[in-house]
Protein backbone atom coordinates (compact mmCIF):
# COMPACT_ATOMS: atom_id res chain seq x y z
CA MET A 1 17.24 41.78 145.04
CA SER A 2 14.59 39.08 145.20
CA ALA A 3 11.78 41.60 144.55
CA VAL A 4 13.69 43.08 141.63
CA ALA A 5 14.29 39.64 140.15
CA THR A 6 10.60 38.80 140.53
CA THR A 7 9.56 42.03 138.76
CA GLU A 8 12.00 41.42 135.92
CA GLY A 9 10.80 37.85 135.59
CA SER A 10 7.19 39.00 135.38
CA ALA A 11 8.09 41.50 132.65
CA VAL A 12 9.87 38.80 130.63
CA SER A 13 6.92 36.46 131.09
CA GLU A 14 4.47 39.15 129.91
CA ARG A 15 6.59 39.86 126.84
CA ALA A 16 6.72 36.14 126.04
CA ARG A 17 2.95 35.91 126.44
CA ARG A 18 2.37 38.79 124.05
CA TRP A 19 4.77 37.38 121.46
CA ARG A 20 3.03 34.02 121.71
CA LEU A 21 -0.33 35.68 120.96
CA VAL A 22 1.19 37.57 118.03
CA LEU A 23 3.11 34.66 116.48
CA GLY A 24 0.50 31.96 116.95
CA ARG A 25 0.72 28.27 117.82
CA GLU A 26 3.99 27.75 115.93
CA SER A 27 5.74 29.88 118.53
CA ARG A 28 7.18 28.08 121.58
CA CYS A 29 7.94 31.20 123.59
CA ALA A 30 5.15 30.73 126.14
CA THR A 31 2.34 28.45 127.22
CA LEU A 32 -1.16 29.91 127.26
CA SER A 33 -4.03 29.06 129.53
CA GLY A 34 -7.53 30.24 130.40
CA THR A 35 -8.53 33.54 128.79
CA ASP A 36 -5.29 33.68 126.82
CA GLN A 37 -6.20 30.43 125.07
CA ALA A 38 -9.59 31.86 124.11
CA MET A 39 -7.92 35.01 122.76
CA ASP A 40 -5.44 32.89 120.82
CA SER A 41 -8.26 30.84 119.30
CA ALA A 42 -10.06 34.00 118.18
CA LEU A 43 -6.89 35.38 116.59
CA GLU A 44 -6.08 32.02 114.99
CA ALA A 45 -9.54 31.76 113.45
CA LEU A 46 -8.95 35.04 111.62
CA TYR A 47 -5.22 35.14 110.87
CA ASN A 48 -3.98 31.53 110.66
CA ARG A 49 -4.19 29.25 107.63
CA GLY A 50 -7.40 27.30 107.27
CA ASP A 51 -10.72 27.16 105.47
CA ARG A 52 -12.51 30.36 104.59
CA VAL A 53 -16.06 31.14 105.50
CA PRO A 54 -18.45 29.46 103.03
CA GLY A 55 -19.33 31.81 100.20
CA ALA A 56 -16.21 33.93 100.68
CA GLY A 57 -14.42 32.52 97.64
CA ARG A 58 -11.73 29.91 97.24
CA PRO A 59 -8.70 30.12 99.52
CA ASP A 60 -5.47 31.17 97.90
CA PRO A 61 -2.71 28.71 98.82
CA ASP A 62 -0.17 31.51 98.69
CA GLU A 63 -2.06 33.62 101.22
CA ARG A 64 -2.71 33.23 104.90
CA GLY A 65 -6.21 31.89 105.26
CA ALA A 66 -8.65 31.61 108.12
CA ASP A 67 -11.02 29.26 109.84
CA LEU A 68 -14.22 30.45 111.40
CA SER A 69 -15.70 26.97 110.79
CA GLY A 70 -18.48 26.07 108.45
CA SER A 71 -21.54 27.73 109.90
CA ALA A 72 -22.94 31.17 110.54
CA PRO A 73 -23.62 30.37 114.25
CA ARG A 74 -19.88 29.73 114.70
CA VAL A 75 -19.11 33.11 113.18
CA SER A 76 -21.63 34.70 115.51
CA ARG A 77 -19.88 33.12 118.49
CA TRP A 78 -16.53 34.31 117.16
CA LEU A 79 -17.83 37.88 116.90
CA GLY A 80 -19.07 37.61 120.47
CA ASP A 81 -15.72 36.22 121.64
CA ILE A 82 -13.65 39.05 120.21
CA ARG A 83 -15.97 41.59 121.85
CA GLU A 84 -15.45 39.82 125.17
CA TYR A 85 -11.67 39.46 125.06
CA PHE A 86 -10.46 42.55 123.19
CA PRO A 87 -11.01 46.31 123.59
CA SER A 88 -13.43 48.01 121.21
CA SER A 89 -10.68 49.56 119.06
CA VAL A 90 -9.11 46.13 118.47
CA VAL A 91 -12.50 44.55 117.78
CA GLN A 92 -13.14 47.09 115.05
CA VAL A 93 -9.78 46.27 113.41
CA MET A 94 -10.48 42.53 113.57
CA GLN A 95 -13.97 42.99 112.13
CA SER A 96 -12.51 45.06 109.31
CA ASP A 97 -9.88 42.38 108.63
CA ALA A 98 -12.60 39.72 108.63
CA MET A 99 -14.46 41.70 105.96
CA ASP A 100 -11.38 41.72 103.73
CA ARG A 101 -9.98 38.26 104.42
CA LEU A 102 -13.09 36.17 104.91
CA GLY A 103 -15.88 37.81 103.02
CA LEU A 104 -17.66 38.41 106.34
CA HIS A 105 -19.76 41.09 104.65
CA GLN A 106 -21.73 38.29 102.99
CA LEU A 107 -22.63 36.86 106.39
CA LEU A 108 -23.83 40.27 107.57
CA LEU A 109 -26.83 39.66 105.37
CA GLU A 110 -27.95 37.23 108.07
CA PRO A 111 -30.05 38.97 110.78
CA GLU A 112 -28.42 37.05 113.67
CA MET A 113 -25.02 38.47 112.71
CA MET A 114 -26.09 42.05 113.47
CA ALA A 115 -26.42 41.45 117.20
CA ALA A 116 -22.87 40.08 117.44
CA VAL A 117 -20.89 42.84 115.74
CA GLU A 118 -19.34 45.94 117.31
CA PRO A 119 -21.10 48.98 115.79
CA ASP A 120 -18.71 51.54 114.31
CA VAL A 121 -18.43 53.87 111.33
CA HIS A 122 -16.67 51.29 109.16
CA LEU A 123 -19.36 48.69 109.82
CA VAL A 124 -22.02 51.25 108.86
CA GLY A 125 -20.19 51.81 105.58
CA THR A 126 -20.19 48.08 104.92
CA LEU A 127 -23.90 47.75 105.71
CA LEU A 128 -24.73 50.67 103.43
CA SER A 129 -22.77 49.08 100.59
CA LEU A 130 -24.94 45.97 101.06
CA ASN A 131 -28.16 47.95 101.28
CA ARG A 132 -29.45 47.05 97.83
CA VAL A 133 -28.87 43.31 98.24
CA MET A 134 -29.82 42.98 101.89
CA PRO A 135 -32.83 40.72 102.51
CA ALA A 136 -35.83 42.34 104.17
CA GLU A 137 -35.42 40.34 107.38
CA ALA A 138 -31.87 41.69 107.84
CA ARG A 139 -32.70 45.28 106.99
CA GLU A 140 -34.26 46.21 110.34
CA SER A 141 -31.33 44.70 112.23
CA ALA A 142 -28.95 46.68 110.03
CA ARG A 143 -30.96 49.83 110.61
CA ALA A 144 -30.66 49.32 114.38
CA VAL A 145 -26.88 49.03 114.08
CA VAL A 146 -26.71 52.19 111.96
CA ARG A 147 -28.99 54.01 114.42
CA THR A 148 -26.65 53.14 117.31
CA VAL A 149 -23.63 54.58 115.51
CA VAL A 150 -25.47 57.69 114.26
CA ASP A 151 -26.89 58.50 117.71
CA ASP A 152 -23.42 58.21 119.21
CA LEU A 153 -21.94 60.50 116.55
CA GLU A 154 -24.71 63.07 117.03
CA ARG A 155 -24.02 63.18 120.77
CA ARG A 156 -20.36 63.66 119.98
CA VAL A 157 -20.65 66.52 117.50
CA ALA A 158 -24.04 68.26 117.84
CA GLN A 159 -23.48 70.60 120.78
CA LYS A 160 -20.05 71.76 119.64
CA THR A 161 -21.19 72.28 116.06
CA ARG A 162 -24.22 74.36 117.02
CA SER A 163 -22.23 76.45 119.50
CA VAL A 164 -19.32 77.17 117.16
CA VAL A 165 -21.50 77.88 114.11
CA ARG A 166 -23.87 80.17 116.02
CA GLY A 167 -20.89 82.12 117.35
CA ALA A 168 -19.50 82.47 113.84
CA ILE A 169 -22.82 83.74 112.49
CA ASP A 170 -23.05 86.29 115.29
CA ARG A 171 -19.53 87.50 114.60
CA THR A 172 -20.28 88.22 110.97
CA ALA A 173 -22.40 91.14 112.19
CA ARG A 174 -20.69 94.45 113.01
CA THR A 175 -21.61 97.14 115.50
CA HIS A 176 -20.03 100.45 116.54
CA ARG A 177 -21.48 100.11 120.02
CA PRO A 178 -20.33 96.73 121.36
CA ARG A 179 -21.99 95.95 124.65
CA ARG A 180 -19.11 94.00 126.16
CA VAL A 181 -15.33 94.13 125.97
CA ALA A 182 -15.44 90.55 124.71
CA ASP A 183 -17.45 91.74 121.69
CA ILE A 184 -14.81 94.26 120.53
CA ASP A 185 -12.95 93.33 117.36
CA TRP A 186 -9.58 94.82 118.31
CA ASN A 187 -7.90 94.35 114.93
CA ALA A 188 -10.73 96.14 113.11
CA THR A 189 -10.88 98.82 115.82
CA ILE A 190 -7.14 99.59 115.50
CA ARG A 191 -7.37 99.77 111.71
CA ARG A 192 -10.35 102.12 111.94
CA ASN A 193 -8.52 104.47 114.37
CA LEU A 194 -4.99 104.62 112.93
CA ALA A 195 -5.55 108.32 112.20
CA HIS A 196 -5.71 108.86 115.95
CA TYR A 197 -2.29 107.44 116.72
CA LEU A 198 -0.38 109.45 119.39
CA PRO A 199 3.38 109.05 118.77
CA GLU A 200 4.37 110.49 122.13
CA HIS A 201 2.33 107.82 123.89
CA ARG A 202 2.83 105.17 121.24
CA THR A 203 -0.83 104.29 121.31
CA VAL A 204 -4.02 104.59 119.30
CA VAL A 205 -6.99 106.46 120.74
CA PRO A 206 -10.04 104.37 119.80
CA GLN A 207 -12.60 107.06 119.05
CA THR A 208 -14.71 104.51 117.16
CA LEU A 209 -15.13 100.97 118.38
CA VAL A 210 -15.80 98.12 115.99
CA GLY A 211 -17.45 95.13 117.59
CA HIS A 212 -19.16 91.87 116.87
CA GLY A 213 -22.90 92.32 116.87
CA ARG A 214 -25.65 89.81 117.43
CA ARG A 215 -27.62 88.52 114.47
CA GLY A 216 -31.37 88.50 114.61
CA ARG A 217 -33.51 85.52 113.76
CA GLY A 218 -33.90 84.16 110.27
CA VAL A 219 -31.67 82.43 107.74
CA HIS A 220 -28.25 84.06 107.42
CA LYS A 221 -26.23 81.49 105.50
CA ASP A 222 -27.02 78.83 102.89
CA VAL A 223 -25.00 75.60 103.08
CA VAL A 224 -24.88 73.01 100.30
CA LEU A 225 -23.18 69.69 101.09
CA ALA A 226 -22.28 67.59 98.02
CA VAL A 227 -21.01 64.18 99.06
CA ASP A 228 -19.29 61.65 96.82
CA GLN A 229 -20.73 58.19 97.53
CA SER A 230 -18.04 56.16 95.78
CA GLY A 231 -16.85 53.18 97.80
CA SER A 232 -13.71 54.81 99.21
CA MET A 233 -15.76 57.61 100.76
CA ALA A 234 -17.90 55.42 103.05
CA SER A 235 -16.79 56.94 106.37
CA SER A 236 -17.08 60.45 104.94
CA VAL A 237 -20.65 59.75 103.83
CA VAL A 238 -21.57 58.72 107.38
CA TYR A 239 -20.04 61.80 109.02
CA ALA A 240 -21.36 64.18 106.37
CA SER A 241 -24.89 62.86 106.87
CA VAL A 242 -24.69 63.42 110.62
CA PHE A 243 -23.25 66.92 110.25
CA GLY A 244 -25.83 67.72 107.59
CA ALA A 245 -28.61 66.79 110.02
CA VAL A 246 -27.08 68.93 112.78
CA LEU A 247 -26.68 71.95 110.49
CA ALA A 248 -30.22 71.49 109.15
CA SER A 249 -31.53 71.72 112.71
CA MET A 250 -30.25 75.32 112.99
CA SER A 251 -32.78 77.94 111.94
CA THR A 252 -30.03 80.40 110.97
CA LEU A 253 -28.85 78.07 108.21
CA LYS A 254 -30.54 76.75 105.12
CA THR A 255 -28.86 73.39 104.59
CA SER A 256 -29.09 71.16 101.52
CA LEU A 257 -27.54 67.72 101.10
CA ILE A 258 -26.89 65.97 97.81
CA VAL A 259 -25.07 62.68 97.27
CA PHE A 260 -23.71 61.59 93.94
CA ASP A 261 -22.00 58.96 91.86
CA THR A 262 -22.76 59.25 88.15
CA ALA A 263 -26.21 60.51 89.18
CA VAL A 264 -27.20 63.10 91.77
CA VAL A 265 -29.71 62.45 94.55
CA ASP A 266 -31.10 65.30 96.66
CA LEU A 267 -31.64 64.07 100.23
CA THR A 268 -32.43 67.45 101.76
CA ASP A 269 -35.97 66.48 102.70
CA GLN A 270 -34.61 63.58 104.78
CA LEU A 271 -32.15 65.61 106.85
CA THR A 272 -34.35 65.41 109.94
CA ASP A 273 -33.19 61.79 110.25
CA PRO A 274 -29.59 61.00 109.24
CA VAL A 275 -30.35 57.26 109.30
CA GLU A 276 -32.86 57.78 106.50
CA VAL A 277 -30.25 59.85 104.70
CA LEU A 278 -27.72 57.04 104.95
CA PHE A 279 -30.13 54.43 103.66
CA GLY A 280 -30.85 56.79 100.79
CA THR A 281 -27.23 56.55 99.66
CA GLN A 282 -25.78 53.87 97.41
CA LEU A 283 -22.08 53.40 98.00
CA GLY A 284 -19.94 52.43 95.04
CA GLY A 285 -20.16 53.08 91.32
CA GLY A 286 -18.71 55.81 89.13
CA THR A 287 -18.30 59.51 89.84
CA ASN A 288 -19.50 62.63 88.05
CA ILE A 289 -18.38 65.56 90.18
CA ASN A 290 -19.19 68.08 87.46
CA ARG A 291 -22.84 67.03 87.44
CA ALA A 292 -23.05 67.27 91.23
CA ILE A 293 -21.52 70.75 91.26
CA GLY A 294 -23.93 71.82 88.52
CA TYR A 295 -26.88 70.64 90.61
CA GLY A 296 -25.47 72.42 93.65
CA GLN A 297 -25.14 75.66 91.71
CA GLU A 298 -28.88 75.56 91.01
CA LEU A 299 -29.54 75.51 94.77
CA ILE A 300 -27.58 78.71 95.35
CA ASP A 301 -29.51 81.94 94.97
CA ARG A 302 -27.52 84.08 97.44
CA PRO A 303 -23.89 83.57 96.41
CA GLN A 304 -22.44 86.08 98.86
CA ASP A 305 -24.10 84.24 101.74
CA SER A 306 -23.54 80.68 100.55
CA ILE A 307 -21.08 77.92 101.41
CA PHE A 308 -20.60 74.97 99.04
CA VAL A 309 -18.90 71.96 100.63
CA LEU A 310 -17.71 69.22 98.26
CA VAL A 311 -16.62 65.96 99.91
CA SER A 312 -14.83 63.87 97.28
CA ASP A 313 -11.59 62.12 96.42
CA LEU A 314 -11.73 64.16 93.17
CA TYR A 315 -11.50 61.22 90.79
CA GLU A 316 -13.68 62.69 88.07
CA GLY A 317 -15.50 60.56 85.56
CA GLY A 318 -17.30 63.55 84.04
CA VAL A 319 -16.02 66.61 82.22
CA ARG A 320 -13.02 67.84 84.20
CA GLU A 321 -12.65 71.22 82.51
CA GLU A 322 -16.30 72.07 83.08
CA MET A 323 -16.02 71.03 86.71
CA LEU A 324 -13.17 73.49 87.23
CA ARG A 325 -15.06 76.23 85.37
CA ARG A 326 -18.05 75.74 87.66
CA VAL A 327 -15.88 76.05 90.76
CA ALA A 328 -14.26 79.20 89.38
CA ALA A 329 -17.69 80.66 88.60
CA MET A 330 -18.92 80.02 92.13
CA ARG A 331 -15.81 81.63 93.56
CA SER A 332 -16.22 84.68 91.33
CA ALA A 333 -19.86 85.03 92.42
CA GLY A 334 -18.83 85.12 96.08
CA VAL A 335 -19.58 81.55 97.15
CA GLN A 336 -17.24 80.16 99.81
CA VAL A 337 -16.17 76.83 98.29
CA VAL A 338 -14.78 74.11 100.56
CA VAL A 339 -13.32 70.88 99.15
CA LEU A 340 -12.72 68.00 101.56
CA LEU A 341 -10.85 64.93 100.37
CA ALA A 342 -12.25 63.15 103.40
CA LEU A 343 -14.41 63.93 106.41
CA SER A 344 -13.24 61.22 108.78
CA ASP A 345 -10.62 60.30 111.37
CA GLU A 346 -8.57 58.37 108.83
CA GLY A 347 -6.83 61.18 106.94
CA ALA A 348 -6.85 61.71 103.20
CA PRO A 349 -7.51 58.62 101.07
CA SER A 350 -6.08 58.12 97.62
CA TYR A 351 -7.18 61.17 95.62
CA ASP A 352 -6.67 62.84 92.26
CA ARG A 353 -3.68 65.10 92.89
CA ARG A 354 -3.98 66.79 89.50
CA ASN A 355 -7.50 67.98 90.25
CA ALA A 356 -6.51 68.98 93.78
CA ALA A 357 -3.68 71.11 92.38
CA ALA A 358 -6.00 72.71 89.82
CA LEU A 359 -8.47 73.64 92.56
CA ALA A 360 -5.66 75.11 94.66
CA GLU A 361 -4.76 77.38 91.72
CA LEU A 362 -8.35 78.64 91.86
CA GLY A 363 -7.90 79.52 95.54
CA VAL A 364 -9.75 76.41 96.76
CA PRO A 365 -7.44 74.15 98.79
CA ALA A 366 -8.42 70.48 98.94
CA PHE A 367 -7.67 68.76 102.23
CA ALA A 368 -8.86 66.10 104.64
CA CYS A 369 -10.72 67.21 107.77
CA THR A 370 -11.47 65.28 110.94
CA PRO A 371 -14.98 65.37 112.43
CA ASP A 372 -13.62 67.19 115.49
CA ALA A 373 -12.21 70.00 113.32
CA PHE A 374 -15.25 70.34 111.04
CA PRO A 375 -17.21 72.80 113.26
CA GLU A 376 -14.26 75.21 113.31
CA LEU A 377 -13.90 74.81 109.55
CA MET A 378 -17.54 75.77 109.05
CA ALA A 379 -17.08 78.74 111.37
CA ALA A 380 -14.12 79.93 109.29
CA ALA A 381 -16.12 79.52 106.09
CA ILE A 382 -19.08 81.44 107.54
CA GLN A 383 -16.79 84.29 108.52
CA GLY A 384 -15.18 84.32 105.07
CA GLN A 385 -11.69 83.48 106.31
CA PRO A 386 -9.08 82.36 103.74
CA LEU A 387 -9.21 78.60 104.01
CA ASP A 388 -5.58 77.99 103.03
CA ALA A 389 -4.52 79.95 106.12
CA TRP A 390 -7.05 78.05 108.23
CA VAL A 391 -5.71 74.72 106.98
CA GLU A 392 -2.14 75.69 107.75
CA LYS A 393 -3.08 76.83 111.26
CA HIS A 394 -5.47 74.07 112.31
CA LEU A 395 -4.69 70.90 110.36
CA ASP A 396 -0.91 70.96 110.40
CA GLU A 397 -0.68 71.18 114.19
């Protein structure tokens, strides 16, 4: 009984400790010491009422404020503290909250801040949005942070993407003399041999095999990535740039990358280095999807062997009707059109549902795709699979 009572007491004490950290100093449910006090101070600096970071704007008396003290070195220590006391996923949330609540993005223009932050996709988006106003002495530090995130993403997605896409390209070839059982396309083989069905045995005699062949060298598919660089698409811009670089490294694909707001910028010649691609973007501003699609159309000279991937929230500032006509024209010419509302782990952002519905009527579903699912999506597009069926099978699981 004594052991049970001790265990229950420990559980109650742990719950009280957690509630104390959540509720702040006003709570009397537990007394903190040691590391817990340091964690509480870090949380209090961000979420409790107090003075805002200088330059972040005037505090609103009706809102919870914050106090990271009056100097950039104090903020740097705070960033170091949260990395020490909290797991990486929590650090990223707190950094994101500090951007919104404290105007921390302004302090990221200071070079010494870069060494204290936890690199992640959201931070890269923030740095890219500051690219045009970032002082020269902070730019190299920012580039190092972006490089860390990009290298990590490439390690995460490159091998799978190349493997899945190469397999899809190989499977678009057909042969009547498959070398291995694994290369036989059984559905196509059965359809080809239905005339040889034997009712008494309830089986089909496969006089002709249909198999997946192996493509030779050379370019087999053209891929055009058109990425909306409006502010809400920051994470998608980062992932699209990394995937664009991976696809461009494959000799069987001809990959082009364009980014757009009200203007269109072709970054294809920078695809060997996704960091250069990212610093070539300019997050924020208006959106002219129609203009971007028009530019992408000019890059397509083999419609039957082309895939056009539009990454956008579909809020169109250009001519909507012409945008839809362009998509319909590409579809009629044989281009496989893919529309992603987001390419990130965060799901679909706010998007123009009217335009999404109009695209769906053209046979082009608009949906959000995670980075982990993107290689399979590209494989389906390369093989010409109906994307609405692919979405239902893979993204609704």
